[in-house]
Each structure stands twice: as structure tokens, then as C-alpha cells.
Amino acid sequence: MLYELRNGVVWFLVRWRSANPTMRDSWISEQSLMKEESGRMAIAYYRHRRAQIERLPIYSLVGRFRRQTPLPAISPEDAKRMPSSLRVLELANQAAPAAGC
């Protein structure tokens, strides 16, 4: 995923995984993604990965050539909902191998 800031709103470029080859990438606002549990999971993973990358020493050397500005903080309400969405994913992943037996 990539993101852009447009008029103070964060928009993510989402690449859809689908059997339909005509389905294209699309820009979706963070508010829209936060309405769905899967969207909250995607944003949480993206923000976590992005924070790890920005802590790398080489990233500071890139400096002014970075394409994207820093992500703004998410709202406190959304921040509270993200851990429960991630916990649902974690429980589903733990149950998946048992279901295949």
C-alpha cells in the first residue's frame, strides 16, 4: 500500500487480490478502511511496517528524496479498535491449522 495526504485526509492505494483480472488498484480513504475489520488490520500492519522502516539508519540518509510525508496520527477511537481487529486475525491464524487436520 501507498498513501497520500489530500486536504488533510489520508488515502491509501489498495491493490485488490481477485480472480477478476479487470479489478484495478484504487484509492480509499482511511476513514472508509477503518469501518471494516480487515481495513483496520491492513492499516495497523502498514503503520507498524512503515514505523520500522523509518527507524532504519539508511532511511534518514534518503531524507529529501522520500516520496511520502510522515503519516499523521490516527484518531484515539480508531487506535482503540485496531488491537481487537488484530486479535481476531491472530486467533483465526491459530485456528486455521487445526481446521485443516
Foldseek 3Di string as FASTA:
>chain_A
DDWAADPNWIWDFDADDDPDPVDGTDIDTLVVLLVDLVSLQVVVVVLVVVVVVCPDPVNVVCPPVDPYDDDDDDDPVSVVVSVVSVVVVVVCVVCVVVVVD
